[in-house]
Amino acid sequence: MADKKQLTKSQVVGAIAEKTELTKVQVNAVLDALGELMVKELSTRGPMAFTLPGVMKATSKKKPATKAGTKPNPFKPGEMMTVKAKPASMKVTARFLKGMKDAIK
């Protein structure tokens, strides 16, 4: 049975380095570059989508600000509740692609 603990970054880097015959420094550089590329692509200045071929697709979406006010309480019908204002934000979602889903099964 596989170990139930999640791999640390150094364990991931070590495993990739062993599999690809690259040094750990080179693998770290690749992961850092991948992270920077993802940030650039998911930002509002980019296409707001990033695909890691065969593995996953991430998309970002602007969520507008909401105003403070009152609305019906869903847990106590007939009673009103106050809702705080929320600032605008970015929502990032990631999903596995079919090839990865099939490999995990």
N, C-alpha and C. Protein backbone atom coordinates (compact mmCIF):
# COMPACT_ATOMS: atom_id res chain seq x y z
N MET A 1 0.84 -1.18 0.00
CA MET A 1 0.00 0.00 0.00
C MET A 1 0.89 1.24 0.00
N ALA A 2 0.50 2.24 -0.74
CA ALA A 2 1.29 3.47 -0.86
C ALA A 2 1.24 4.27 0.43
N ASP A 3 2.28 5.07 0.64
CA ASP A 3 2.35 5.95 1.80
C ASP A 3 1.27 7.01 1.67
N LYS A 4 0.56 7.32 2.77
CA LYS A 4 -0.57 8.23 2.74
C LYS A 4 -0.16 9.69 2.89
N LYS A 5 1.13 9.99 3.13
CA LYS A 5 1.55 11.36 3.32
C LYS A 5 1.84 12.02 1.99
N GLN A 6 1.52 13.30 1.91
CA GLN A 6 1.79 14.08 0.71
C GLN A 6 3.28 14.34 0.59
N LEU A 7 3.79 14.34 -0.64
CA LEU A 7 5.21 14.59 -0.87
C LEU A 7 5.55 16.05 -0.59
N THR A 8 6.72 16.27 -0.03
CA THR A 8 7.21 17.63 0.17
C THR A 8 7.81 18.12 -1.14
N LYS A 9 8.12 19.41 -1.20
CA LYS A 9 8.70 19.96 -2.43
C LYS A 9 10.03 19.30 -2.73
N SER A 10 10.86 19.09 -1.71
CA SER A 10 12.17 18.48 -1.95
C SER A 10 12.03 17.03 -2.42
N GLN A 11 11.03 16.31 -1.93
CA GLN A 11 10.79 14.95 -2.40
C GLN A 11 10.32 14.93 -3.85
N VAL A 12 9.47 15.90 -4.21
CA VAL A 12 9.00 16.00 -5.59
C VAL A 12 10.18 16.31 -6.51
N VAL A 13 11.00 17.28 -6.10
CA VAL A 13 12.16 17.66 -6.90
C VAL A 13 13.11 16.47 -7.04
N GLY A 14 13.34 15.75 -5.95
CA GLY A 14 14.22 14.58 -5.99
C GLY A 14 13.70 13.49 -6.92
N ALA A 15 12.39 13.24 -6.87
CA ALA A 15 11.79 12.21 -7.72
C ALA A 15 11.89 12.59 -9.20
N ILE A 16 11.62 13.86 -9.51
CA ILE A 16 11.70 14.31 -10.90
C ILE A 16 13.15 14.27 -11.38
N ALA A 17 14.08 14.69 -10.52
CA ALA A 17 15.50 14.69 -10.88
C ALA A 17 15.98 13.27 -11.17
N GLU A 18 15.54 12.31 -10.37
CA GLU A 18 15.93 10.92 -10.56
C GLU A 18 15.36 10.36 -11.87
N LYS A 19 14.10 10.69 -12.14
CA LYS A 19 13.42 10.17 -13.33
C LYS A 19 13.97 10.78 -14.63
N THR A 20 14.32 12.07 -14.59
CA THR A 20 14.74 12.77 -15.80
C THR A 20 16.25 12.89 -15.95
N GLU A 21 17.00 12.45 -14.96
CA GLU A 21 18.46 12.55 -14.94
C GLU A 21 18.95 14.00 -15.01
N LEU A 22 18.14 14.91 -14.47
CA LEU A 22 18.56 16.31 -14.32
C LEU A 22 19.02 16.51 -12.89
N THR A 23 19.74 17.59 -12.64
CA THR A 23 20.13 17.88 -11.26
C THR A 23 18.94 18.50 -10.53
N LYS A 24 18.99 18.47 -9.21
CA LYS A 24 17.92 19.06 -8.41
C LYS A 24 17.83 20.56 -8.66
N VAL A 25 18.96 21.21 -8.89
CA VAL A 25 18.99 22.65 -9.17
C VAL A 25 18.25 22.94 -10.48
N GLN A 26 18.48 22.10 -11.49
CA GLN A 26 17.81 22.29 -12.78
C GLN A 26 16.30 22.07 -12.65
N VAL A 27 15.90 21.05 -11.88
CA VAL A 27 14.48 20.78 -11.69
C VAL A 27 13.82 21.94 -10.94
N ASN A 28 14.51 22.47 -9.91
CA ASN A 28 13.98 23.63 -9.19
C ASN A 28 13.79 24.81 -10.13
N ALA A 29 14.74 25.02 -11.03
CA ALA A 29 14.64 26.12 -11.99
C ALA A 29 13.44 25.93 -12.92
N VAL A 30 13.21 24.70 -13.35
CA VAL A 30 12.07 24.41 -14.22
C VAL A 30 10.75 24.66 -13.47
N LEU A 31 10.65 24.21 -12.23
CA LEU A 31 9.42 24.42 -11.46
C LEU A 31 9.18 25.90 -11.19
N ASP A 32 10.24 26.65 -10.89
CA ASP A 32 10.10 28.09 -10.68
C ASP A 32 9.62 28.78 -11.96
N ALA A 33 10.19 28.40 -13.10
CA ALA A 33 9.80 28.98 -14.38
C ALA A 33 8.35 28.63 -14.71
N LEU A 34 7.94 27.40 -14.40
CA LEU A 34 6.55 26.98 -14.63
C LEU A 34 5.60 27.80 -13.77
N GLY A 35 5.96 28.02 -12.51
CA GLY A 35 5.12 28.83 -11.63
C GLY A 35 4.98 30.26 -12.13
N GLU A 36 6.09 30.86 -12.57
CA GLU A 36 6.05 32.22 -13.10
C GLU A 36 5.18 32.29 -14.36
N LEU A 37 5.30 31.29 -15.22
CA LEU A 37 4.50 31.25 -16.45
C LEU A 37 3.01 31.13 -16.12
N MET A 38 2.67 30.31 -15.14
CA MET A 38 1.27 30.16 -14.74
C MET A 38 0.71 31.47 -14.22
N VAL A 39 1.47 32.17 -13.39
CA VAL A 39 1.02 33.45 -12.85
C VAL A 39 0.78 34.45 -13.98
N LYS A 40 1.71 34.50 -14.92
CA LYS A 40 1.60 35.42 -16.06
C LYS A 40 0.36 35.10 -16.90
N GLU A 41 0.13 33.83 -17.17
CA GLU A 41 -0.99 33.43 -18.02
C GLU A 41 -2.34 33.59 -17.31
N LEU A 42 -2.38 33.38 -15.99
CA LEU A 42 -3.65 33.46 -15.26
C LEU A 42 -4.00 34.87 -14.83
N SER A 43 -3.07 35.82 -14.96
CA SER A 43 -3.34 37.19 -14.55
C SER A 43 -4.27 37.88 -15.55
N THR A 44 -4.75 39.06 -15.17
CA THR A 44 -5.66 39.80 -16.05
C THR A 44 -4.96 40.29 -17.30
N ARG A 45 -3.65 40.37 -17.28
CA ARG A 45 -2.90 40.80 -18.46
C ARG A 45 -2.71 39.66 -19.46
N GLY A 46 -2.93 38.44 -19.03
CA GLY A 46 -2.79 37.27 -19.89
C GLY A 46 -4.14 36.76 -20.33
N PRO A 47 -4.18 35.57 -20.90
CA PRO A 47 -5.45 34.99 -21.37
C PRO A 47 -6.35 34.46 -20.25
N MET A 48 -5.89 34.50 -19.01
CA MET A 48 -6.64 34.03 -17.84
C MET A 48 -6.95 32.54 -17.91
N ALA A 49 -6.08 31.79 -18.59
CA ALA A 49 -6.20 30.34 -18.67
C ALA A 49 -4.80 29.76 -18.89
N PHE A 50 -4.57 28.58 -18.31
CA PHE A 50 -3.28 27.91 -18.49
C PHE A 50 -3.52 26.41 -18.55
N THR A 51 -2.93 25.75 -19.55
CA THR A 51 -3.06 24.30 -19.68
C THR A 51 -1.69 23.66 -19.57
N LEU A 52 -1.57 22.71 -18.67
CA LEU A 52 -0.38 21.88 -18.57
C LEU A 52 -0.73 20.62 -19.36
N PRO A 53 -0.22 20.49 -20.60
CA PRO A 53 -0.69 19.44 -21.52
C PRO A 53 -0.73 18.05 -20.89
N GLY A 54 -1.89 17.42 -21.02
CA GLY A 54 -2.08 16.06 -20.53
C GLY A 54 -2.32 15.95 -19.04
N VAL A 55 -2.22 17.07 -18.31
CA VAL A 55 -2.34 17.00 -16.84
C VAL A 55 -3.53 17.80 -16.33
N MET A 56 -3.51 19.12 -16.51
CA MET A 56 -4.55 19.96 -15.91
C MET A 56 -4.76 21.24 -16.70
N LYS A 57 -5.90 21.87 -16.45
CA LYS A 57 -6.20 23.18 -17.02
C LYS A 57 -6.67 24.06 -15.88
N ALA A 58 -6.08 25.25 -15.80
CA ALA A 58 -6.47 26.22 -14.78
C ALA A 58 -7.03 27.45 -15.46
N THR A 59 -8.10 28.01 -14.89
CA THR A 59 -8.69 29.23 -15.42
C THR A 59 -8.90 30.20 -14.27
N SER A 60 -8.81 31.49 -14.57
CA SER A 60 -9.08 32.50 -13.56
C SER A 60 -10.24 33.35 -14.04
N LYS A 61 -10.97 33.91 -13.08
CA LYS A 61 -12.18 34.65 -13.39
C LYS A 61 -12.28 35.83 -12.43
N LYS A 62 -12.63 36.99 -12.94
CA LYS A 62 -12.84 38.16 -12.09
C LYS A 62 -14.17 38.03 -11.37
N LYS A 63 -14.15 38.23 -10.06
CA LYS A 63 -15.38 38.20 -9.28
C LYS A 63 -15.64 39.63 -8.83
N PRO A 64 -16.75 40.24 -9.25
CA PRO A 64 -16.99 41.65 -8.92
C PRO A 64 -17.26 41.87 -7.44
N ALA A 65 -17.10 43.12 -7.02
CA ALA A 65 -17.37 43.50 -5.63
C ALA A 65 -18.87 43.42 -5.38
N THR A 66 -19.25 43.14 -4.13
CA THR A 66 -20.66 43.12 -3.76
C THR A 66 -20.92 44.19 -2.72
N LYS A 67 -22.10 44.76 -2.76
CA LYS A 67 -22.48 45.82 -1.82
C LYS A 67 -23.04 45.21 -0.54
N ALA A 68 -22.94 45.99 0.54
CA ALA A 68 -23.55 45.58 1.80
C ALA A 68 -25.06 45.78 1.68
N GLY A 69 -25.82 45.01 2.43
CA GLY A 69 -27.26 45.14 2.39
C GLY A 69 -27.93 44.09 3.24
N THR A 70 -29.22 43.91 3.02
CA THR A 70 -29.97 42.89 3.75
C THR A 70 -30.59 41.95 2.73
N LYS A 71 -30.75 40.70 3.16
CA LYS A 71 -31.40 39.71 2.31
C LYS A 71 -32.10 38.71 3.21
N PRO A 72 -33.03 37.93 2.68
CA PRO A 72 -33.74 36.95 3.51
C PRO A 72 -32.78 35.89 4.06
N ASN A 73 -32.99 35.53 5.32
CA ASN A 73 -32.18 34.51 5.97
C ASN A 73 -32.66 33.14 5.48
N PRO A 74 -31.79 32.34 4.85
CA PRO A 74 -32.24 31.04 4.32
C PRO A 74 -32.55 30.03 5.43
N PHE A 75 -32.03 30.25 6.64
CA PHE A 75 -32.24 29.29 7.73
C PHE A 75 -33.44 29.64 8.60
N LYS A 76 -33.87 30.91 8.56
CA LYS A 76 -35.03 31.34 9.35
C LYS A 76 -35.96 32.13 8.42
N PRO A 77 -36.89 31.46 7.78
CA PRO A 77 -37.78 32.13 6.82
C PRO A 77 -38.51 33.31 7.47
N GLY A 78 -38.61 34.39 6.72
CA GLY A 78 -39.30 35.58 7.20
C GLY A 78 -38.38 36.55 7.92
N GLU A 79 -37.19 36.13 8.26
CA GLU A 79 -36.25 37.00 8.97
C GLU A 79 -35.20 37.52 7.99
N MET A 80 -34.83 38.77 8.14
CA MET A 80 -33.81 39.38 7.28
C MET A 80 -32.46 39.34 7.98
N MET A 81 -31.39 39.26 7.20
CA MET A 81 -30.04 39.29 7.78
C MET A 81 -29.19 40.29 7.01
N THR A 82 -28.19 40.85 7.69
CA THR A 82 -27.32 41.81 7.03
C THR A 82 -26.17 41.07 6.37
N VAL A 83 -25.75 41.59 5.23
CA VAL A 83 -24.66 40.99 4.47
C VAL A 83 -23.57 42.04 4.33
N LYS A 84 -22.33 41.66 4.63
CA LYS A 84 -21.20 42.58 4.53
C LYS A 84 -20.79 42.77 3.08
N ALA A 85 -20.21 43.93 2.80
CA ALA A 85 -19.68 44.20 1.47
C ALA A 85 -18.41 43.38 1.28
N LYS A 86 -18.16 42.93 0.05
CA LYS A 86 -16.95 42.17 -0.26
C LYS A 86 -16.23 42.85 -1.42
N PRO A 87 -14.90 42.93 -1.34
CA PRO A 87 -14.15 43.55 -2.44
C PRO A 87 -14.08 42.63 -3.65
N ALA A 88 -13.73 43.21 -4.78
CA ALA A 88 -13.55 42.41 -6.00
C ALA A 88 -12.37 41.47 -5.79
N SER A 89 -12.42 40.31 -6.44
CA SER A 89 -11.34 39.33 -6.28
C SER A 89 -11.21 38.49 -7.55
N MET A 90 -10.17 37.67 -7.57
CA MET A 90 -9.94 36.75 -8.68
C MET A 90 -10.16 35.33 -8.15
N LYS A 91 -10.87 34.53 -8.91
CA LYS A 91 -11.10 33.14 -8.54
C LYS A 91 -10.36 32.26 -9.53
N VAL A 92 -9.52 31.35 -9.02
CA VAL A 92 -8.77 30.44 -9.88
C VAL A 92 -9.30 29.03 -9.65
N THR A 93 -9.64 28.35 -10.74
CA THR A 93 -10.09 26.97 -10.64
C THR A 93 -9.17 26.10 -11.50
N ALA A 94 -8.92 24.90 -11.02
CA ALA A 94 -8.09 23.96 -11.76
C ALA A 94 -8.84 22.64 -11.88
N ARG A 95 -8.68 22.00 -13.03
CA ARG A 95 -9.32 20.70 -13.22
C ARG A 95 -8.37 19.78 -13.98
N PHE A 96 -8.44 18.52 -13.65
CA PHE A 96 -7.61 17.53 -14.33
C PHE A 96 -8.20 17.24 -15.71
N LEU A 97 -7.33 16.95 -16.66
CA LEU A 97 -7.75 16.59 -18.00
C LEU A 97 -8.05 15.10 -18.07
N LYS A 98 -8.72 14.67 -19.11
CA LYS A 98 -9.19 13.29 -19.22
C LYS A 98 -8.07 12.27 -19.09
N GLY A 99 -6.92 12.51 -19.70
CA GLY A 99 -5.82 11.56 -19.63
C GLY A 99 -5.38 11.32 -18.19
N MET A 100 -5.31 12.36 -17.39
CA MET A 100 -4.91 12.23 -15.99
C MET A 100 -6.00 11.53 -15.18
N LYS A 101 -7.25 11.87 -15.43
CA LYS A 101 -8.37 11.22 -14.71
C LYS A 101 -8.36 9.71 -14.98
N ASP A 102 -8.15 9.33 -16.23
CA ASP A 102 -8.13 7.92 -16.59
C ASP A 102 -6.95 7.20 -15.95
N ALA A 103 -5.81 7.88 -15.85
CA ALA A 103 -4.61 7.28 -15.27
C ALA A 103 -4.77 7.07 -13.77
N ILE A 104 -5.53 7.91 -13.09
CA ILE A 104 -5.72 7.82 -11.64
C ILE A 104 -6.66 6.68 -11.27
N LYS A 105 -7.63 6.39 -12.12
CA LYS A 105 -8.63 5.35 -11.81
C LYS A 105 -8.01 4.02 -11.53
